[in-house]
C-alpha atoms as a PDB file:
ATOM      1  CA  MET A   1      51.159   6.386-233.363  1.00  0.00           C
ATOM      2  CA  LYS A   2      52.046   5.747-229.818  1.00  0.00           C
ATOM      3  CA  ILE A   3      49.628   2.958-229.370  1.00  0.00           C
ATOM      4  CA  ILE A   4      50.802   1.177-232.569  1.00  0.00           C
ATOM      5  CA  SER A   5      54.480   1.731-231.168  1.00  0.00           C
ATOM      6  CA  GLY A   6      53.365   0.163-227.847  1.00  0.00           C
ATOM      7  CA  ILE A   7      51.604  -2.941-229.727  1.00  0.00           C
ATOM      8  CA  LEU A   8      54.794  -3.449-231.524  1.00  0.00           C
ATOM      9  CA  ILE A   9      56.887  -3.216-228.559  1.00  0.00           C
ATOM     10  CA  ALA A  10      54.753  -5.659-226.734  1.00  0.00           C
ATOM     11  CA  LEU A  11      54.597  -8.044-229.862  1.00  0.00           C
ATOM     12  CA  LEU A  12      58.405  -7.834-230.022  1.00  0.00           C
ATOM     13  CA  ALA A  13      58.863  -8.302-226.346  1.00  0.00           C
ATOM     14  CA  ALA A  14      56.378 -11.386-226.577  1.00  0.00           C
ATOM     15  CA  ALA A  15      58.269 -12.866-229.594  1.00  0.00           C
ATOM     16  CA  ALA A  16      61.562 -12.317-227.798  1.00  0.00           C
ATOM     17  CA  ALA A  17      60.255 -14.128-224.823  1.00  0.00           C
ATOM     18  CA  VAL A  18      58.900 -16.896-226.792  1.00  0.00           C
ATOM     19  CA  LEU A  19      62.363 -17.203-228.545  1.00  0.00           C
ATOM     20  CA  VAL A  20      63.922 -17.233-225.250  1.00  0.00           C
ATOM     21  CA  MET A  21      61.685 -19.810-224.050  1.00  0.00           C
ATOM     22  CA  GLN A  22      62.197 -21.937-227.228  1.00  0.00           C
ATOM     23  CA  GLN A  23      66.016 -21.546-226.728  1.00  0.00           C
ATOM     24  CA  GLN A  24      65.799 -22.759-223.098  1.00  0.00           C
ATOM     25  CA  ALA A  25      63.569 -25.721-224.083  1.00  0.00           C
ATOM     26  CA  GLN A  26      66.000 -26.782-226.870  1.00  0.00           C
ATOM     27  CA  VAL A  27      68.954 -26.513-224.422  1.00  0.00           C
ATOM     28  CA  LYS A  28      67.024 -28.553-221.795  1.00  0.00           C
ATOM     29  CA  LEU A  29      66.063 -31.267-224.559  1.00  0.00           C
ATOM     30  CA  ARG A  30      69.642 -31.320-225.737  1.00  0.00           C
ATOM     31  CA  GLN A  31      70.892 -31.825-222.180  1.00  0.00           C
ATOM     32  CA  GLU A  32      68.057 -34.577-221.594  1.00  0.00           C
ATOM     33  CA  ASN A  33      68.952 -36.146-224.945  1.00  0.00           C
ATOM     34  CA  GLU A  34      72.710 -36.134-223.882  1.00  0.00           C
ATOM     35  CA  SER A  35      71.857 -37.649-220.525  1.00  0.00           C
ATOM     36  CA  LEU A  36      69.670 -40.258-222.200  1.00  0.00           C
ATOM     37  CA  ARG A  37      72.497 -41.182-224.660  1.00  0.00           C
ATOM     38  CA  GLN A  38      74.942 -41.416-221.761  1.00  0.00           C
ATOM     39  CA  GLN A  39      72.655 -43.617-219.916  1.00  0.00           C
ATOM     40  CA  LEU A  40      72.001 -45.657-223.072  1.00  0.00           C
ATOM     41  CA  ASP A  41      75.845 -46.075-223.369  1.00  0.00           C
ATOM     42  CA  GLN A  42      76.313 -46.984-219.912  1.00  0.00           C
ATOM     43  CA  LEU A  43      73.391 -49.378-220.125  1.00  0.00           C
ATOM     44  CA  THR A  44      75.121 -51.011-223.320  1.00  0.00           C
ATOM     45  CA  ARG A  45      78.308 -51.301-221.435  1.00  0.00           C
ATOM     46  CA  LEU A  46      76.645 -52.810-218.384  1.00  0.00           C
ATOM     47  CA  GLN A  47      74.953 -55.415-220.815  1.00  0.00           C
ATOM     48  CA  ALA A  48      78.310 -56.107-222.386  1.00  0.00           C
ATOM     49  CA  ASP A  49      79.886 -56.438-219.032  1.00  0.00           C
ATOM     50  CA  ASN A  50      76.982 -58.459-217.720  1.00  0.00           C
ATOM     51  CA  GLU A  51      77.299 -60.863-220.856  1.00  0.00           C
ATOM     52  CA  ASN A  52      80.954 -61.193-220.254  1.00  0.00           C
ATOM     53  CA  LEU A  53      80.534 -62.022-216.618  1.00  0.00           C
ATOM     54  CA  SER A  54      77.899 -64.703-217.686  1.00  0.00           C
ATOM     55  CA  ASN A  55      80.245 -66.226-219.962  1.00  0.00           C
ATOM     56  CA  ARG A  56      83.021 -66.121-217.242  1.00  0.00           C
ATOM     57  CA  LEU A  57      80.402 -67.747-214.945  1.00  0.00           C
ATOM     58  CA  ALA A  58      79.532 -70.351-217.320  1.00  0.00           C
ATOM     59  CA  ARG A  59      83.236 -71.366-217.880  1.00  0.00           C
ATOM     60  CA  VAL A  60      83.819 -71.254-214.133  1.00  0.00           C
ATOM     61  CA  ASN A  61      80.765 -73.741-213.778  1.00  0.00           C
ATOM     62  CA  ALA A  62      82.016 -75.732-216.451  1.00  0.00           C
ATOM     63  CA  ALA A  63      85.378 -76.210-214.963  1.00  0.00           C
ATOM     64  CA  ALA A  64      83.859 -76.773-211.407  1.00  0.00           C
ATOM     65  CA  ASP A  65      81.718 -79.514-212.908  1.00  0.00           C
ATOM     66  CA  ALA A  66      84.644 -81.112-214.495  1.00  0.00           C
ATOM     67  CA  GLN A  67      86.606 -80.927-211.231  1.00  0.00           C
ATOM     68  CA  THR A  68      83.658 -82.417-209.469  1.00  0.00           C
ATOM     69  CA  MET A  69      83.474 -85.196-212.064  1.00  0.00           C
ATOM     70  CA  GLU A  70      87.256 -85.713-211.608  1.00  0.00           C
ATOM     71  CA  LEU A  71      86.973 -85.620-207.746  1.00  0.00           C
ATOM     72  CA  LEU A  72      84.242 -88.179-208.032  1.00  0.00           C
ATOM     73  CA  LYS A  73      86.329 -90.255-210.163  1.00  0.00           C
ATOM     74  CA  LEU A  74      89.229 -90.127-207.991  1.00  0.00           C
ATOM     75  CA  ARG A  75      87.053 -90.842-204.894  1.00  0.00           C
ATOM     76  CA  ASN A  76      85.764 -94.062-206.769  1.00  0.00           C
ATOM     77  CA  GLU A  77      89.313 -94.954-207.584  1.00  0.00           C
ATOM     78  CA  VAL A  78      90.325 -94.578-203.926  1.00  0.00           C
ATOM     79  CA  GLY A  79      87.267 -96.699-202.868  1.00  0.00           C
ATOM     80  CA  MET A  80      88.336 -99.373-205.239  1.00  0.00           C
ATOM     81  CA  LEU A  81      91.894 -99.345-204.078  1.00  0.00           C
ATOM     82  CA  HIS A  82      90.898 -99.442-200.324  1.00  0.00           C
ATOM     83  CA  LYS A  83      88.781-102.538-201.472  1.00  0.00           C
ATOM     84  CA  GLN A  84      91.518-104.123-203.210  1.00  0.00           C
ATOM     85  CA  THR A  85      93.794-103.450-200.379  1.00  0.00           C
ATOM     86  CA  GLY A  86      91.382-105.119-197.987  1.00  0.00           C
ATOM     87  CA  GLU A  87      91.067-108.048-200.360  1.00  0.00           C
ATOM     88  CA  ILE A  88      94.859-108.430-200.590  1.00  0.00           C
ATOM     89  CA  ALA A  89      95.280-108.157-196.841  1.00  0.00           C
ATOM     90  CA  GLU A  90      92.527-110.943-196.575  1.00  0.00           C
ATOM     91  CA  LEU A  91      94.181-113.242-199.183  1.00  0.00           C
ATOM     92  CA  GLN A  92      97.511-112.409-197.333  1.00  0.00           C
ATOM     93  CA  LYS A  93      96.031-113.592-194.089  1.00  0.00           C
ATOM     94  CA  LYS A  94      94.541-116.784-195.597  1.00  0.00           C
ATOM     95  CA  ASN A  95      97.668-117.497-197.392  1.00  0.00           C
ATOM     96  CA  GLN A  96      99.535-117.372-193.886  1.00  0.00           C
ATOM     97  CA  GLN A  97      96.989-119.537-192.423  1.00  0.00           C
ATOM     98  CA  LEU A  98      97.220-122.122-195.300  1.00  0.00           C
ATOM     99  CA  SER A  99     101.029-121.997-195.003  1.00  0.00           C
ATOM    100  CA  ALA A 100     100.763-122.565-191.346  1.00  0.00           C
ATOM    101  CA  ALA A 101      98.383-125.446-191.729  1.00  0.00           C
ATOM    102  CA  LEU A 102     100.746-127.001-194.574  1.00  0.00           C
ATOM    103  CA  ALA A 103     103.777-126.629-192.058  1.00  0.00           C
ATOM    104  CA  SER A 104     101.887-128.165-189.216  1.00  0.00           C
ATOM    105  CA  SER A 105     100.796-131.075-191.553  1.00  0.00           C
ATOM    106  CA  ARG A 106     104.336-131.563-192.731  1.00  0.00           C
ATOM    107  CA  ASN A 107     105.573-131.623-189.202  1.00  0.00           C
ATOM    108  CA  ALA A 108     102.790-134.131-188.307  1.00  0.00           C
ATOM    109  CA  GLN A 109     103.959-136.215-191.047  1.00  0.00           C
ATOM    110  CA  LEU A 110     107.637-136.117-190.099  1.00  0.00           C
ATOM    111  CA  VAL A 111     106.490-137.091-186.544  1.00  0.00           C
ATOM    112  CA  LYS A 112     104.629-140.040-187.808  1.00  0.00           C
ATOM    113  CA  THR A 113     107.249-141.130-190.444  1.00  0.00           C
ATOM    114  CA  PRO A 114     110.322-142.824-189.193  1.00  0.00           C
ATOM    115  CA  PRO A 115     113.288-140.391-189.861  1.00  0.00           C
ATOM    116  CA  GLU A 116     115.232-143.478-191.587  1.00  0.00           C
ATOM    117  CA  THR A 117     114.654-144.136-195.268  1.00  0.00           C
ATOM    118  CA  ALA A 118     115.751-147.785-195.053  1.00  0.00           C
ATOM    119  CA  PRO A 119     112.638-149.996-194.726  1.00  0.00           C
ATOM    120  CA  LYS A 120     111.918-151.866-191.518  1.00  0.00           C
ATOM    121  CA  ILE A 121     111.882-155.731-191.555  1.00  0.00           C
ATOM    122  CA  ASN A 122     111.383-158.297-189.035  1.00  0.00           C
ATOM    123  CA  ALA A 123     114.212-160.215-190.125  1.00  0.00           C
ATOM    124  CA  PRO A 124     117.578-159.484-188.350  1.00  0.00           C
ATOM    125  CA  ASP A 125     120.278-157.413-190.169  1.00  0.00           C
ATOM    126  CA  ASN A 126     118.114-156.757-192.974  1.00  0.00           C
ATOM    127  CA  VAL A 127     118.370-160.367-194.229  1.00  0.00           C
ATOM    128  CA  ALA A 128     115.176-162.195-195.220  1.00  0.00           C
ATOM    129  CA  ALA A 129     114.307-165.426-193.240  1.00  0.00           C
ATOM    130  CA  ASP A 130     113.810-168.641-195.388  1.00  0.00           C
ATOM    131  CA  THR A 131     110.452-170.203-195.547  1.00  0.00           C
ATOM    132  CA  ALA A 132     108.899-172.814-197.384  1.00  0.00           C
ATOM    133  CA  THR A 133     107.892-170.887-200.315  1.00  0.00           C
ATOM    134  CA  GLY A 134     111.242-168.630-200.342  1.00  0.00           C
ATOM    135  CA  PRO A 135     112.613-165.650-198.390  1.00  0.00           C
ATOM    136  CA  ASP A 136     109.717-163.836-196.140  1.00  0.00           C
ATOM    137  CA  LEU A 137     110.749-160.201-195.442  1.00  0.00           C
ATOM    138  CA  GLY A 138     107.957-159.965-193.021  1.00  0.00           C
ATOM    139  CA  ALA A 139     106.466-156.558-192.245  1.00  0.00           C
ATOM    140  CA  VAL A 140     108.172-153.789-194.309  1.00  0.00           C
ATOM    141  CA  GLN A 141     107.712-150.150-194.307  1.00  0.00           C
ATOM    142  CA  LEU A 142     108.112-148.543-197.765  1.00  0.00           C
ATOM    143  CA  VAL A 143     108.180-145.040-199.309  1.00  0.00           C
ATOM    144  CA  ASN A 144     105.731-144.104-202.167  1.00  0.00           C
ATOM    145  CA  GLN A 145     107.702-144.187-205.465  1.00  0.00           C
ATOM    146  CA  THR A 146     110.914-144.757-203.708  1.00  0.00           C
ATOM    147  CA  PRO A 147     113.086-147.921-204.391  1.00  0.00           C
ATOM    148  CA  SER A 148     113.887-149.980-201.295  1.00  0.00           C
ATOM    149  CA  ARG A 149     116.692-152.686-201.570  1.00  0.00           C
ATOM    150  CA  PHE A 150     116.816-155.829-199.524  1.00  0.00           C
ATOM    151  CA  ASP A 151     119.514-158.415-199.099  1.00  0.00           C
ATOM    152  CA  LEU A 152     118.071-162.004-199.815  1.00  0.00           C
ATOM    153  CA  GLY A 153     121.403-163.762-199.001  1.00  0.00           C
ATOM    154  CA  GLY A 154     123.552-165.763-201.354  1.00  0.00           C
ATOM    155  CA  GLY A 155     124.561-162.890-203.662  1.00  0.00           C
ATOM    156  CA  LYS A 156     120.715-162.213-204.171  1.00  0.00           C
ATOM    157  CA  THR A 157     118.905-158.854-203.556  1.00  0.00           C
ATOM    158  CA  CYS A 158     115.366-157.619-204.120  1.00  0.00           C
ATOM    159  CA  THR A 159     114.336-154.004-204.730  1.00  0.00           C
ATOM    160  CA  LEU A 160     110.704-152.869-204.009  1.00  0.00           C
ATOM    161  CA  THR A 161     109.240-149.809-205.668  1.00  0.00           C
ATOM    162  CA  PRO A 162     105.873-149.100-204.372  1.00  0.00           C
ATOM    163  CA  THR A 163     103.120-146.715-205.939  1.00  0.00           C
ATOM    164  CA  ILE A 164      99.971-145.677-204.014  1.00  0.00           C
ATOM    165  CA  ASP A 165      96.974-145.725-206.614  1.00  0.00           C
ATOM    166  CA  ALA A 166      93.937-143.630-206.509  1.00  0.00           C
ATOM    167  CA  ASP A 167      92.129-146.267-204.204  1.00  0.00           C
ATOM    168  CA  GLY A 168      94.973-146.357-201.616  1.00  0.00           C
ATOM    169  CA  ASN A 169      95.988-149.607-202.632  1.00  0.00           C
ATOM    170  CA  TYR A 170      99.797-150.525-203.406  1.00  0.00           C
ATOM    171  CA  ASP A 171     101.218-151.563-206.939  1.00  0.00           C
ATOM    172  CA  ILE A 172     104.657-152.819-206.085  1.00  0.00           C
ATOM    173  CA  LYS A 173     107.409-153.390-208.627  1.00  0.00           C
ATOM    174  CA  VAL A 174     109.823-156.206-207.668  1.00  0.00           C
ATOM    175  CA  VAL A 175     113.228-156.417-209.112  1.00  0.00           C
ATOM    176  CA  PHE A 176     115.275-159.570-208.129  1.00  0.00           C
ATOM    177  CA  GLU A 177     119.118-159.346-208.786  1.00  0.00           C
ATOM    178  CA  SER A 178     121.725-162.305-208.453  1.00  0.00           C
ATOM    179  CA  LYS A 179     125.369-162.025-208.810  1.00  0.00           C
ATOM    180  CA  LYS A 180     127.418-165.174-210.153  1.00  0.00           C
ATOM    181  CA  MET A 181     130.917-165.556-210.899  1.00  0.00           C
ATOM    182  CA  ASN A 182     131.716-166.414-214.501  1.00  0.00           C
ATOM    183  CA  GLY A 183     135.476-166.903-214.498  1.00  0.00           C
ATOM    184  CA  GLN A 184     136.986-163.742-213.316  1.00  0.00           C
ATOM    185  CA  ALA A 185     133.956-161.574-214.220  1.00  0.00           C
ATOM    186  CA  ILE A 186     130.722-160.997-212.290  1.00  0.00           C
ATOM    187  CA  GLN A 187     127.555-161.862-213.973  1.00  0.00           C
ATOM    188  CA  ILE A 188     124.397-160.223-212.862  1.00  0.00           C
ATOM    189  CA  ASP A 189     120.902-161.675-213.554  1.00  0.00           C
ATOM    190  CA  ARG A 190     117.951-159.481-213.353  1.00  0.00           C
ATOM    191  CA  THR A 191     114.308-160.684-213.017  1.00  0.00           C
ATOM    192  CA  VAL A 192     111.340-158.157-212.927  1.00  0.00           C
ATOM    193  CA  GLY A 193     107.821-158.800-211.443  1.00  0.00           C
ATOM    194  CA  GLU A 194     104.866-156.759-210.152  1.00  0.00           C
ATOM    195  CA  ILE A 195     102.262-157.246-207.610  1.00  0.00           C
ATOM    196  CA  SER A 196      99.115-155.282-206.184  1.00  0.00           C
ATOM    197  CA  THR A 197      97.817-155.546-202.665  1.00  0.00           C
ATOM    198  CA  ALA A 198      95.878-153.669-200.148  1.00  0.00           C
ATOM    199  CA  PRO A 199      97.562-152.010-197.177  1.00  0.00           C
ATOM    200  CA  GLY A 200      98.756-154.403-194.500  1.00  0.00           C
ATOM    201  CA  HIS A 201      98.102-157.569-196.420  1.00  0.00           C
ATOM    202  CA  ALA A 202     100.667-160.360-196.759  1.00  0.00           C
ATOM    203  CA  VAL A 203     101.766-161.148-200.088  1.00  0.00           C
ATOM    204  CA  ALA A 204     103.958-163.777-201.857  1.00  0.00           C
ATOM    205  CA  LEU A 205     105.520-163.366-205.409  1.00  0.00           C
ATOM    206  CA  THR A 206     107.212-166.074-207.722  1.00  0.00           C
ATOM    207  CA  VAL A 207     109.110-164.878-210.762  1.00  0.00           C
ATOM    208  CA  GLY A 208     111.146-167.632-212.298  1.00  0.00           C
ATOM    209  CA  ASP A 209     113.485-169.139-209.725  1.00  0.00           C
ATOM    210  CA  ASN A 210     112.826-166.119-207.481  1.00  0.00           C
ATOM    211  CA  SER A 211     110.158-166.044-204.736  1.00  0.00           C
ATOM    212  CA  ILE A 212     109.660-163.727-201.812  1.00  0.00           C
ATOM    213  CA  GLY A 213     106.941-162.812-199.152  1.00  0.00           C
ATOM    214  CA  PHE A 214     106.471-159.519-197.177  1.00  0.00           C
ATOM    215  CA  THR A 215     103.708-157.553-195.798  1.00  0.00           C
ATOM    216  CA  PRO A 216     103.999-153.871-197.070  1.00  0.00           C
ATOM    217  CA  THR A 217     103.018-150.585-195.402  1.00  0.00           C
ATOM    218  CA  VAL A 218     103.693-147.620-197.796  1.00  0.00           C
ATOM    219  CA  ASN A 219     104.183-144.104-196.380  1.00  0.00           C
ATOM    220  CA  PRO A 220     103.577-141.105-198.625  1.00  0.00           C
ATOM    221  CA  ALA A 221     106.714-139.250-200.067  1.00  0.00           C
ATOM    222  CA  PRO A 222     107.735-136.693-197.395  1.00  0.00           C
END
């Protein structure tokens, strides 16, 4: 009986030891399982954080790219503005040069052109000298498209209006006027003629009872 009791006690002790070991193993497995679960949760959170950070980084990169494009656009606009500013400055410089050249040309013309507008003639006191073919005004200076009036004497006047054509020749309109007393009223007779000539050439014109000779020089209008 003692042997059997010893065997039973040994078996019970072995069983108890096995149960204790199983319980310890289960506890250890639960602890490991809980640890793994916590690690898995932490990994899931890290993945979510990583994805969130990736999305934020993508948005930041997109915003940076947009800012870079806008910066490049602004730089291009600034470059164009600098170029246009340089062109404007160059145009202003050329405009000033042209204005100075024009002013110099005008001053030169004013120096060459006599200040008085009345035409110069060889006959004294602006009265034409009589010739065999009619009054001769001699050398006269006229202004382009500007009428110039001459006293022919005896109540007669002559108005010369020159025009310089494309070839540099003169087309001169000649208007004769004569005043006659008709009772107590003054009667004015007008006769119109036209002549073409080259600069410095003597010309003679007869229109009806009126005749005239002169050598014209026509200055451009100031």
